[in-house]
Amino acid sequence: MKNFALIGAAGYIAKRHVEAIKTNKGDLLMMCDPNDNVGYIDSSFPNCNYFKEIERFDRELNRLDYLNNKIDYVSICSPNYLHDSHIRLSLRNNCDVICEKPLVLKTEHLKMLQEIEKKHNKKVYTILQLRLHPTIIDLKKHVENSKEKFNINLKYITPRGKWYDYSWKGDFDKSGGVLFNIGIHFFDMLTWIFGKPIIDDISLTDKLAVGKLKFQNANVNFFLSIDYKDLPHKDWKAFRSLEINNKDYNFSDGFTDLHNVSYQNIINGNGFGIEDVYPTIELIEKMISK
């Protein structure tokens, strides 16, 4: 059984990580969040120790390592701008890391983390669940075995309420904006399948990212929005559309279960690491600077 700790336990995505730990027969020994709204943990790990301050969490990690009762993995679900700091804390305490997307907001941070990985002989993993989706895997195989040119229209609209503007997610310096908040998995999917792109056009606001990418064998139009007004329906629910050469690819089903598969792969030594996210972080950096 693997021992886990969790940073950012009160956030939305943390519940998927806790479920993945439980599904893969791990034990969550400790968690940290400045917000104490973490009672959902009780149904899965009622004996999990809770820390409100990251400093006390750090000390407990160090104590467990000293007693040779160490944490195997620290799962990180904290705000985007804190990821690299919390990764470094975990590596210094002799733990491997499983971090939510985006791993970091700048490629220079990736380089620093790789050096700390080597220093402590530990590994940083990240969640790139679309690479594990059967529909996307089949698409990649199709592209690799084809000589045709692909015309792609990607649209993802996931509405956010007024709270968003007041949270860290609505703060560009803390979240990286729409491209990092909701776009990173899709850009990772595209670079994983088609390679390195050229940015043909990009338009950004605090709620919208619209642009064009050119790959060697593909042209991509993308539309990413958190504005309810952009939805094609009246229901308050996300809309995903991936159209390739006038054919629709549905990858909405099974999307939420892929954290469990991600954890299984990581525990088995087959997870995605720092080197896997370089192309996407670099691409988004360039789009932001345009």
C-alpha atoms as a PDB file:
ATOM      1  CA  MET A   1       0.000   0.000   0.000  1.00  0.00           C
ATOM      2  CA  LYS A   2       1.251   3.470  -0.948  1.00  0.00           C
ATOM      3  CA  ASN A   3       1.021   6.384   1.481  1.00  0.00           C
ATOM      4  CA  PHE A   4      -0.272   9.723   0.212  1.00  0.00           C
ATOM      5  CA  ALA A   5      -0.495  13.327   1.347  1.00  0.00           C
ATOM      6  CA  LEU A   6      -2.632  16.015  -0.278  1.00  0.00           C
ATOM      7  CA  ILE A   7      -2.094  19.765  -0.671  1.00  0.00           C
ATOM      8  CA  GLY A   8      -5.180  21.716  -1.692  1.00  0.00           C
ATOM      9  CA  ALA A   9      -7.757  19.400  -0.170  1.00  0.00           C
ATOM     10  CA  ALA A  10     -10.736  21.792  -0.251  1.00  0.00           C
ATOM     11  CA  GLY A  11     -10.664  22.471  -3.990  1.00  0.00           C
ATOM     12  CA  TYR A  12     -13.009  21.059  -6.617  1.00  0.00           C
ATOM     13  CA  ILE A  13     -10.505  18.744  -8.301  1.00  0.00           C
ATOM     14  CA  ALA A  14      -9.127  17.331  -5.028  1.00  0.00           C
ATOM     15  CA  LYS A  15     -12.099  14.965  -4.727  1.00  0.00           C
ATOM     16  CA  ARG A  16     -11.058  13.165  -7.906  1.00  0.00           C
ATOM     17  CA  HIS A  17      -7.572  12.688  -6.481  1.00  0.00           C
ATOM     18  CA  VAL A  18      -8.957  11.326  -3.205  1.00  0.00           C
ATOM     19  CA  GLU A  19     -11.176   8.920  -5.145  1.00  0.00           C
ATOM     20  CA  ALA A  20      -8.183   7.835  -7.232  1.00  0.00           C
ATOM     21  CA  ILE A  21      -6.112   7.190  -4.090  1.00  0.00           C
ATOM     22  CA  LYS A  22      -8.931   5.083  -2.629  1.00  0.00           C
ATOM     23  CA  THR A  23      -9.589   3.215  -5.898  1.00  0.00           C
ATOM     24  CA  ASN A  24      -5.904   2.312  -6.157  1.00  0.00           C
ATOM     25  CA  LYS A  25      -5.862   1.065  -2.542  1.00  0.00           C
ATOM     26  CA  GLY A  26      -3.660   3.867  -1.241  1.00  0.00           C
ATOM     27  CA  ASP A  27      -3.834   5.452   2.199  1.00  0.00           C
ATOM     28  CA  LEU A  28      -4.233   9.219   2.613  1.00  0.00           C
ATOM     29  CA  LEU A  29      -2.349  10.013   5.830  1.00  0.00           C
ATOM     30  CA  MET A  30      -2.366  13.821   5.815  1.00  0.00           C
ATOM     31  CA  MET A  31      -3.749  16.836   3.984  1.00  0.00           C
ATOM     32  CA  CYS A  32      -3.341  20.600   3.973  1.00  0.00           C
ATOM     33  CA  ASP A  33      -5.608  23.496   3.041  1.00  0.00           C
ATOM     34  CA  PRO A  34      -6.148  26.969   4.525  1.00  0.00           C
ATOM     35  CA  ASN A  35      -9.875  26.349   4.059  1.00  0.00           C
ATOM     36  CA  ASP A  36     -11.195  23.723   6.506  1.00  0.00           C
ATOM     37  CA  ASN A  37     -14.131  22.710   4.288  1.00  0.00           C
ATOM     38  CA  VAL A  38     -12.721  19.195   3.885  1.00  0.00           C
ATOM     39  CA  GLY A  39     -15.308  17.024   5.628  1.00  0.00           C
ATOM     40  CA  TYR A  40     -15.866  14.914   2.511  1.00  0.00           C
ATOM     41  CA  ILE A  41     -12.601  13.138   3.395  1.00  0.00           C
ATOM     42  CA  ASP A  42     -14.303  11.361   6.319  1.00  0.00           C
ATOM     43  CA  SER A  43     -16.172   8.905   4.107  1.00  0.00           C
ATOM     44  CA  SER A  44     -12.911   7.600   2.634  1.00  0.00           C
ATOM     45  CA  PHE A  45     -10.058   8.432   5.035  1.00  0.00           C
ATOM     46  CA  PRO A  46     -11.487   9.385   8.460  1.00  0.00           C
ATOM     47  CA  ASN A  47      -8.075   9.127  10.153  1.00  0.00           C
ATOM     48  CA  CYS A  48      -6.360  11.540   7.757  1.00  0.00           C
ATOM     49  CA  ASN A  49      -4.491  14.289   9.629  1.00  0.00           C
ATOM     50  CA  TYR A  50      -5.438  17.840   8.683  1.00  0.00           C
ATOM     51  CA  PHE A  51      -3.138  20.869   8.626  1.00  0.00           C
ATOM     52  CA  LYS A  52      -4.314  24.402   8.012  1.00  0.00           C
ATOM     53  CA  GLU A  53      -0.798  25.828   7.672  1.00  0.00           C
ATOM     54  CA  ILE A  54       1.633  24.611   5.011  1.00  0.00           C
ATOM     55  CA  GLU A  55       4.524  25.092   7.474  1.00  0.00           C
ATOM     56  CA  ARG A  56       3.112  22.500   9.889  1.00  0.00           C
ATOM     57  CA  PHE A  57       2.363  20.186   6.980  1.00  0.00           C
ATOM     58  CA  ASP A  58       5.990  20.554   5.863  1.00  0.00           C
ATOM     59  CA  ARG A  59       7.233  19.726   9.342  1.00  0.00           C
ATOM     60  CA  GLU A  60       5.087  16.586   9.535  1.00  0.00           C
ATOM     61  CA  LEU A  61       6.351  15.395   6.152  1.00  0.00           C
ATOM     62  CA  ASN A  62       9.880  15.834   7.421  1.00  0.00           C
ATOM     63  CA  ARG A  63       9.101  14.027  10.677  1.00  0.00           C
ATOM     64  CA  LEU A  64       7.619  11.024   8.890  1.00  0.00           C
ATOM     65  CA  ASP A  65      10.627  10.836   6.594  1.00  0.00           C
ATOM     66  CA  TYR A  66      12.953  11.001   9.623  1.00  0.00           C
ATOM     67  CA  LEU A  67      11.035   8.136  11.288  1.00  0.00           C
ATOM     68  CA  ASN A  68      11.216   6.089   8.063  1.00  0.00           C
ATOM     69  CA  ASN A  69       7.413   6.085   7.887  1.00  0.00           C
ATOM     70  CA  LYS A  70       7.463   8.316   4.854  1.00  0.00           C
ATOM     71  CA  ILE A  71       4.854   9.549   2.440  1.00  0.00           C
ATOM     72  CA  ASP A  72       5.307   7.964  -0.994  1.00  0.00           C
ATOM     73  CA  TYR A  73       3.395  10.582  -2.997  1.00  0.00           C
ATOM     74  CA  VAL A  74       2.240  14.141  -2.341  1.00  0.00           C
ATOM     75  CA  SER A  75      -0.763  15.002  -4.511  1.00  0.00           C
ATOM     76  CA  ILE A  76      -0.970  18.717  -5.311  1.00  0.00           C
ATOM     77  CA  CYS A  77      -4.292  20.415  -6.075  1.00  0.00           C
ATOM     78  CA  SER A  78      -3.428  23.908  -4.899  1.00  0.00           C
ATOM     79  CA  PRO A  79      -3.844  27.093  -7.010  1.00  0.00           C
ATOM     80  CA  ASN A  80      -1.791  27.078 -10.210  1.00  0.00           C
ATOM     81  CA  TYR A  81       0.729  29.707  -9.144  1.00  0.00           C
ATOM     82  CA  LEU A  82       1.659  27.695  -6.027  1.00  0.00           C
ATOM     83  CA  HIS A  83       2.319  24.392  -7.802  1.00  0.00           C
ATOM     84  CA  ASP A  84       6.059  24.820  -8.287  1.00  0.00           C
ATOM     85  CA  SER A  85       6.549  25.879  -4.644  1.00  0.00           C
ATOM     86  CA  HIS A  86       4.555  22.913  -3.317  1.00  0.00           C
ATOM     87  CA  ILE A  87       6.379  20.544  -5.672  1.00  0.00           C
ATOM     88  CA  ARG A  88       9.729  21.740  -4.342  1.00  0.00           C
ATOM     89  CA  LEU A  89       8.528  21.305  -0.745  1.00  0.00           C
ATOM     90  CA  SER A  90       7.486  17.734  -1.496  1.00  0.00           C
ATOM     91  CA  LEU A  91      10.713  16.799  -3.273  1.00  0.00           C
ATOM     92  CA  ARG A  92      12.807  18.206  -0.420  1.00  0.00           C
ATOM     93  CA  ASN A  93      10.913  15.887   1.927  1.00  0.00           C
ATOM     94  CA  ASN A  94      11.860  12.836  -0.134  1.00  0.00           C
ATOM     95  CA  CYS A  95       8.433  12.359  -1.770  1.00  0.00           C
ATOM     96  CA  ASP A  96       7.380  11.754  -5.342  1.00  0.00           C
ATOM     97  CA  VAL A  97       4.752  14.191  -6.617  1.00  0.00           C
ATOM     98  CA  ILE A  98       1.442  13.955  -8.470  1.00  0.00           C
ATOM     99  CA  CYS A  99       0.399  17.446  -9.547  1.00  0.00           C
ATOM    100  CA  GLU A 100      -2.783  18.676 -11.201  1.00  0.00           C
ATOM    101  CA  LYS A 101      -2.646  20.638 -14.405  1.00  0.00           C
ATOM    102  CA  PRO A 102      -1.044  22.983 -15.218  1.00  0.00           C
ATOM    103  CA  LEU A 103       2.158  21.666 -13.686  1.00  0.00           C
ATOM    104  CA  VAL A 104       3.601  25.212 -13.741  1.00  0.00           C
ATOM    105  CA  LEU A 105       2.916  28.484 -15.580  1.00  0.00           C
ATOM    106  CA  LYS A 106       6.414  29.026 -17.038  1.00  0.00           C
ATOM    107  CA  THR A 107       8.911  26.769 -18.784  1.00  0.00           C
ATOM    108  CA  GLU A 108      11.748  28.202 -16.687  1.00  0.00           C
ATOM    109  CA  HIS A 109      10.056  26.670 -13.639  1.00  0.00           C
ATOM    110  CA  LEU A 110      10.099  23.276 -15.360  1.00  0.00           C
ATOM    111  CA  LYS A 111      13.865  23.495 -15.764  1.00  0.00           C
ATOM    112  CA  MET A 112      14.333  24.302 -12.083  1.00  0.00           C
ATOM    113  CA  LEU A 113      12.101  21.424 -11.021  1.00  0.00           C
ATOM    114  CA  GLN A 114      14.060  18.983 -13.173  1.00  0.00           C
ATOM    115  CA  GLU A 115      17.235  19.949 -11.342  1.00  0.00           C
ATOM    116  CA  ILE A 116      15.558  19.366  -7.953  1.00  0.00           C
ATOM    117  CA  GLU A 117      14.243  16.010  -9.210  1.00  0.00           C
ATOM    118  CA  LYS A 118      17.793  14.931  -9.957  1.00  0.00           C
ATOM    119  CA  LYS A 119      19.127  16.264  -6.670  1.00  0.00           C
ATOM    120  CA  HIS A 120      16.648  14.287  -4.571  1.00  0.00           C
ATOM    121  CA  ASN A 121      16.279  11.322  -6.957  1.00  0.00           C
ATOM    122  CA  LYS A 122      12.505  11.771  -6.993  1.00  0.00           C
ATOM    123  CA  LYS A 123       9.895  12.085  -9.738  1.00  0.00           C
ATOM    124  CA  VAL A 124       7.276  14.706 -10.570  1.00  0.00           C
ATOM    125  CA  TYR A 125       4.167  13.374 -12.320  1.00  0.00           C
ATOM    126  CA  THR A 126       1.258  15.304 -13.748  1.00  0.00           C
ATOM    127  CA  ILE A 127      -2.298  14.532 -14.838  1.00  0.00           C
ATOM    128  CA  LEU A 128      -2.752  14.475 -18.624  1.00  0.00           C
ATOM    129  CA  GLN A 129      -5.923  12.432 -18.697  1.00  0.00           C
ATOM    130  CA  LEU A 130      -6.913  13.083 -22.318  1.00  0.00           C
ATOM    131  CA  ARG A 131      -3.878  11.046 -23.407  1.00  0.00           C
ATOM    132  CA  LEU A 132      -5.565   8.102 -21.688  1.00  0.00           C
ATOM    133  CA  HIS A 133      -8.997   8.546 -23.254  1.00  0.00           C
ATOM    134  CA  PRO A 134      -9.802   5.707 -25.708  1.00  0.00           C
ATOM    135  CA  THR A 135     -11.236   8.110 -28.315  1.00  0.00           C
ATOM    136  CA  ILE A 136      -8.104  10.274 -28.259  1.00  0.00           C
ATOM    137  CA  ILE A 137      -5.787   7.239 -28.350  1.00  0.00           C
ATOM    138  CA  ASP A 138      -7.632   5.939 -31.431  1.00  0.00           C
ATOM    139  CA  LEU A 139      -7.396   9.386 -33.025  1.00  0.00           C
ATOM    140  CA  LYS A 140      -3.627   9.505 -32.496  1.00  0.00           C
ATOM    141  CA  LYS A 141      -3.244   6.070 -34.125  1.00  0.00           C
ATOM    142  CA  HIS A 142      -5.382   7.199 -37.059  1.00  0.00           C
ATOM    143  CA  VAL A 143      -3.274  10.339 -37.574  1.00  0.00           C
ATOM    144  CA  GLU A 144      -0.003   8.388 -37.389  1.00  0.00           C
ATOM    145  CA  ASN A 145      -1.207   5.966 -40.066  1.00  0.00           C
ATOM    146  CA  SER A 146      -2.634   8.616 -42.386  1.00  0.00           C
ATOM    147  CA  LYS A 147      -1.171  10.956 -45.006  1.00  0.00           C
ATOM    148  CA  GLU A 148      -4.231  13.209 -45.182  1.00  0.00           C
ATOM    149  CA  LYS A 149      -4.473  16.829 -43.992  1.00  0.00           C
ATOM    150  CA  PHE A 150      -6.665  17.398 -40.953  1.00  0.00           C
ATOM    151  CA  ASN A 151      -8.954  20.388 -40.444  1.00  0.00           C
ATOM    152  CA  ILE A 152      -9.962  20.652 -36.814  1.00  0.00           C
ATOM    153  CA  ASN A 153     -12.520  22.744 -34.991  1.00  0.00           C
ATOM    154  CA  LEU A 154     -12.259  22.590 -31.199  1.00  0.00           C
ATOM    155  CA  LYS A 155     -14.839  24.286 -29.029  1.00  0.00           C
ATOM    156  CA  TYR A 156     -15.008  24.095 -25.254  1.00  0.00           C
ATOM    157  CA  ILE A 157     -17.365  26.268 -23.218  1.00  0.00           C
ATOM    158  CA  THR A 158     -17.568  25.703 -19.478  1.00  0.00           C
ATOM    159  CA  PRO A 159     -19.545  28.511 -17.803  1.00  0.00           C
ATOM    160  CA  ARG A 160     -18.402  30.088 -14.551  1.00  0.00           C
ATOM    161  CA  GLY A 161     -20.460  32.245 -12.186  1.00  0.00           C
ATOM    162  CA  LYS A 162     -19.619  35.586 -10.633  1.00  0.00           C
ATOM    163  CA  TRP A 163     -17.536  33.906  -7.907  1.00  0.00           C
ATOM    164  CA  TYR A 164     -14.891  33.172 -10.551  1.00  0.00           C
ATOM    165  CA  ASP A 165     -13.898  36.841 -10.857  1.00  0.00           C
ATOM    166  CA  TYR A 166     -13.145  37.023  -7.132  1.00  0.00           C
ATOM    167  CA  SER A 167     -11.247  33.746  -6.836  1.00  0.00           C
ATOM    168  CA  TRP A 168      -7.619  32.990  -7.691  1.00  0.00           C
ATOM    169  CA  LYS A 169      -8.878  31.465 -10.939  1.00  0.00           C
ATOM    170  CA  GLY A 170     -10.041  34.879 -12.106  1.00  0.00           C
ATOM    171  CA  ASP A 171      -6.637  36.411 -11.321  1.00  0.00           C
ATOM    172  CA  PHE A 172      -4.419  36.024 -14.405  1.00  0.00           C
ATOM    173  CA  ASP A 173      -1.149  36.162 -12.435  1.00  0.00           C
ATOM    174  CA  LYS A 174      -2.336  33.295 -10.223  1.00  0.00           C
ATOM    175  CA  SER A 175      -4.095  31.075 -12.751  1.00  0.00           C
ATOM    176  CA  GLY A 176      -2.598  31.934 -16.145  1.00  0.00           C
ATOM    177  CA  GLY A 177      -6.050  32.769 -17.507  1.00  0.00           C
ATOM    178  CA  VAL A 178      -8.369  30.812 -19.786  1.00  0.00           C
ATOM    179  CA  LEU A 179      -5.553  29.160 -21.746  1.00  0.00           C
ATOM    180  CA  PHE A 180      -4.143  27.509 -18.619  1.00  0.00           C
ATOM    181  CA  ASN A 181      -7.383  27.095 -16.658  1.00  0.00           C
ATOM    182  CA  ILE A 182      -9.433  25.253 -19.262  1.00  0.00           C
ATOM    183  CA  GLY A 183      -7.287  25.002 -22.382  1.00  0.00           C
ATOM    184  CA  ILE A 184      -4.182  23.161 -21.276  1.00  0.00           C
ATOM    185  CA  HIS A 185      -5.519  19.606 -21.643  1.00  0.00           C
ATOM    186  CA  PHE A 186      -6.710  20.315 -25.174  1.00  0.00           C
ATOM    187  CA  PHE A 187      -3.441  21.929 -26.238  1.00  0.00           C
ATOM    188  CA  ASP A 188      -1.577  18.976 -24.745  1.00  0.00           C
ATOM    189  CA  MET A 189      -3.805  16.634 -26.721  1.00  0.00           C
ATOM    190  CA  LEU A 190      -3.115  18.525 -29.957  1.00  0.00           C
ATOM    191  CA  THR A 191       0.677  18.698 -29.515  1.00  0.00           C
ATOM    192  CA  TRP A 192       0.756  15.036 -28.446  1.00  0.00           C
ATOM    193  CA  ILE A 193      -1.039  13.996 -31.634  1.00  0.00           C
ATOM    194  CA  PHE A 194       0.183  16.493 -34.231  1.00  0.00           C
ATOM    195  CA  GLY A 195       3.527  17.789 -32.953  1.00  0.00           C
ATOM    196  CA  LYS A 196       4.798  21.356 -32.652  1.00  0.00           C
ATOM    197  CA  PRO A 197       2.486  24.080 -34.052  1.00  0.00           C
ATOM    198  CA  ILE A 198       2.823  27.596 -35.380  1.00  0.00           C
ATOM    199  CA  ILE A 199       0.494  30.193 -33.843  1.00  0.00           C
ATOM    200  CA  ASP A 200      -1.456  31.642 -36.778  1.00  0.00           C
ATOM    201  CA  ASP A 201      -3.836  33.856 -34.796  1.00  0.00           C
ATOM    202  CA  ILE A 202      -4.828  34.438 -31.158  1.00  0.00           C
ATOM    203  CA  SER A 203      -7.322  36.679 -29.377  1.00  0.00           C
ATOM    204  CA  LEU A 204      -7.542  36.706 -25.580  1.00  0.00           C
ATOM    205  CA  THR A 205      -9.835  38.208 -22.962  1.00  0.00           C
ATOM    206  CA  ASP A 206     -10.388  37.299 -19.329  1.00  0.00           C
ATOM    207  CA  LYS A 207     -13.220  34.939 -20.378  1.00  0.00           C
ATOM    208  CA  LEU A 208     -12.362  33.909 -23.914  1.00  0.00           C
ATOM    209  CA  ALA A 209      -9.513  32.490 -26.013  1.00  0.00           C
ATOM    210  CA  VAL A 210      -9.982  32.193 -29.779  1.00  0.00           C
ATOM    211  CA  GLY A 211      -7.262  31.320 -32.239  1.00  0.00           C
ATOM    212  CA  LYS A 212      -5.725  29.266 -35.018  1.00  0.00           C
ATOM    213  CA  LEU A 213      -2.826  26.832 -34.929  1.00  0.00           C
ATOM    214  CA  LYS A 214      -0.979  25.325 -37.874  1.00  0.00           C
ATOM    215  CA  PHE A 215       0.663  21.911 -37.609  1.00  0.00           C
ATOM    216  CA  GLN A 216       2.582  20.040 -40.268  1.00  0.00           C
ATOM    217  CA  ASN A 217      -0.482  18.005 -41.175  1.00  0.00           C
ATOM    218  CA  ALA A 218      -3.305  19.896 -39.453  1.00  0.00           C
ATOM    219  CA  ASN A 219      -5.020  23.270 -39.167  1.00  0.00           C
ATOM    220  CA  VAL A 220      -6.805  23.961 -35.890  1.00  0.00           C
ATOM    221  CA  ASN A 221      -9.443  26.545 -35.005  1.00  0.00           C
ATOM    222  CA  PHE A 222     -10.133  26.718 -31.278  1.00  0.00           C
ATOM    223  CA  PHE A 223     -12.735  28.508 -29.189  1.00  0.00           C
ATOM    224  CA  LEU A 224     -12.436  28.392 -25.400  1.00  0.00           C
ATOM    225  CA  SER A 225     -14.843  30.243 -23.140  1.00  0.00           C
ATOM    226  CA  ILE A 226     -16.093  30.466 -19.568  1.00  0.00           C
ATOM    227  CA  ASP A 227     -18.943  32.795 -20.538  1.00  0.00           C
ATOM    228  CA  TYR A 228     -22.475  31.397 -20.207  1.00  0.00           C
ATOM    229  CA  LYS A 229     -23.569  33.518 -23.169  1.00  0.00           C
ATOM    230  CA  ASP A 230     -21.399  31.458 -25.527  1.00  0.00           C
ATOM    231  CA  LEU A 231     -23.216  28.195 -24.792  1.00  0.00           C
ATOM    232  CA  PRO A 232     -25.300  26.732 -27.636  1.00  0.00           C
ATOM    233  CA  HIS A 233     -27.888  25.580 -25.090  1.00  0.00           C
ATOM    234  CA  LYS A 234     -29.633  27.157 -22.093  1.00  0.00           C
ATOM    235  CA  ASP A 235     -28.527  24.593 -19.509  1.00  0.00           C
ATOM    236  CA  TRP A 236     -25.695  25.553 -17.173  1.00  0.00           C
ATOM    237  CA  LYS A 237     -23.363  22.754 -18.224  1.00  0.00           C
ATOM    238  CA  ALA A 238     -20.174  22.406 -20.209  1.00  0.00           C
ATOM    239  CA  PHE A 239     -20.173  22.050 -23.980  1.00  0.00           C
ATOM    240  CA  ARG A 240     -17.373  20.132 -25.732  1.00  0.00           C
ATOM    241  CA  SER A 241     -17.020  19.756 -29.460  1.00  0.00           C
ATOM    242  CA  LEU A 242     -14.143  18.264 -31.459  1.00  0.00           C
ATOM    243  CA  GLU A 243     -14.741  18.162 -35.201  1.00  0.00           C
ATOM    244  CA  ILE A 244     -12.063  16.710 -37.497  1.00  0.00           C
ATOM    245  CA  ASN A 245     -12.606  16.740 -41.258  1.00  0.00           C
ATOM    246  CA  ASN A 246     -16.341  17.231 -40.625  1.00  0.00           C
ATOM    247  CA  LYS A 247     -16.503  14.219 -38.293  1.00  0.00           C
ATOM    248  CA  ASP A 248     -17.479  14.631 -34.637  1.00  0.00           C
ATOM    249  CA  TYR A 249     -15.331  13.018 -31.939  1.00  0.00           C
ATOM    250  CA  ASN A 250     -17.100  12.554 -28.611  1.00  0.00           C
ATOM    251  CA  PHE A 251     -14.776  12.357 -25.616  1.00  0.00           C
ATOM    252  CA  SER A 252     -17.136  13.672 -22.907  1.00  0.00           C
ATOM    253  CA  ASP A 253     -18.045  10.190 -21.659  1.00  0.00           C
ATOM    254  CA  GLY A 254     -15.530   8.634 -19.284  1.00  0.00           C
ATOM    255  CA  PHE A 255     -13.614  11.885 -18.851  1.00  0.00           C
ATOM    256  CA  THR A 256     -14.023  12.040 -15.045  1.00  0.00           C
ATOM    257  CA  ASP A 257     -12.806   8.465 -14.450  1.00  0.00           C
ATOM    258  CA  LEU A 258      -9.398   9.048 -15.988  1.00  0.00           C
ATOM    259  CA  HIS A 259      -7.824  10.289 -12.752  1.00  0.00           C
ATOM    260  CA  ASN A 260      -8.144   6.724 -11.449  1.00  0.00           C
ATOM    261  CA  VAL A 261      -6.319   5.409 -14.517  1.00  0.00           C
ATOM    262  CA  SER A 262      -3.708   8.158 -14.204  1.00  0.00           C
ATOM    263  CA  TYR A 263      -2.929   7.148 -10.614  1.00  0.00           C
ATOM    264  CA  GLN A 264      -2.744   3.484 -11.549  1.00  0.00           C
ATOM    265  CA  ASN A 265      -0.216   4.263 -14.269  1.00  0.00           C
ATOM    266  CA  ILE A 266       1.845   6.464 -11.944  1.00  0.00           C
ATOM    267  CA  ILE A 267       1.978   3.831  -9.211  1.00  0.00           C
ATOM    268  CA  ASN A 268       3.092   1.338 -11.859  1.00  0.00           C
ATOM    269  CA  GLY A 269       5.875   3.720 -12.943  1.00  0.00           C
ATOM    270  CA  ASN A 270       4.267   4.774 -16.236  1.00  0.00           C
ATOM    271  CA  GLY A 271       3.019   8.274 -15.479  1.00  0.00           C
ATOM    272  CA  PHE A 272       3.610  11.514 -17.396  1.00  0.00           C
ATOM    273  CA  GLY A 273       6.486  13.660 -16.169  1.00  0.00           C
ATOM    274  CA  ILE A 274       8.006  17.111 -16.590  1.00  0.00           C
ATOM    275  CA  GLU A 275       9.390  16.373 -20.046  1.00  0.00           C
ATOM    276  CA  ASP A 276       5.881  15.559 -21.292  1.00  0.00           C
ATOM    277  CA  VAL A 277       4.448  19.002 -20.503  1.00  0.00           C
ATOM    278  CA  TYR A 278       7.239  21.131 -21.981  1.00  0.00           C
ATOM    279  CA  PRO A 279       5.651  21.556 -25.461  1.00  0.00           C
ATOM    280  CA  THR A 280       2.278  22.676 -24.085  1.00  0.00           C
ATOM    281  CA  ILE A 281       3.608  25.108 -21.470  1.00  0.00           C
ATOM    282  CA  GLU A 282       5.888  26.607 -24.118  1.00  0.00           C
ATOM    283  CA  LEU A 283       2.992  26.940 -26.587  1.00  0.00           C
ATOM    284  CA  ILE A 284       0.725  28.714 -24.079  1.00  0.00           C
ATOM    285  CA  GLU A 285       3.574  31.021 -23.046  1.00  0.00           C
ATOM    286  CA  LYS A 286       3.952  32.088 -26.676  1.00  0.00           C
ATOM    287  CA  MET A 287       0.196  32.588 -27.110  1.00  0.00           C
ATOM    288  CA  ILE A 288       0.049  34.813 -24.036  1.00  0.00           C
ATOM    289  CA  SER A 289       2.990  36.918 -25.226  1.00  0.00           C
ATOM    290  CA  LYS A 290       1.474  37.452 -28.709  1.00  0.00           C
END
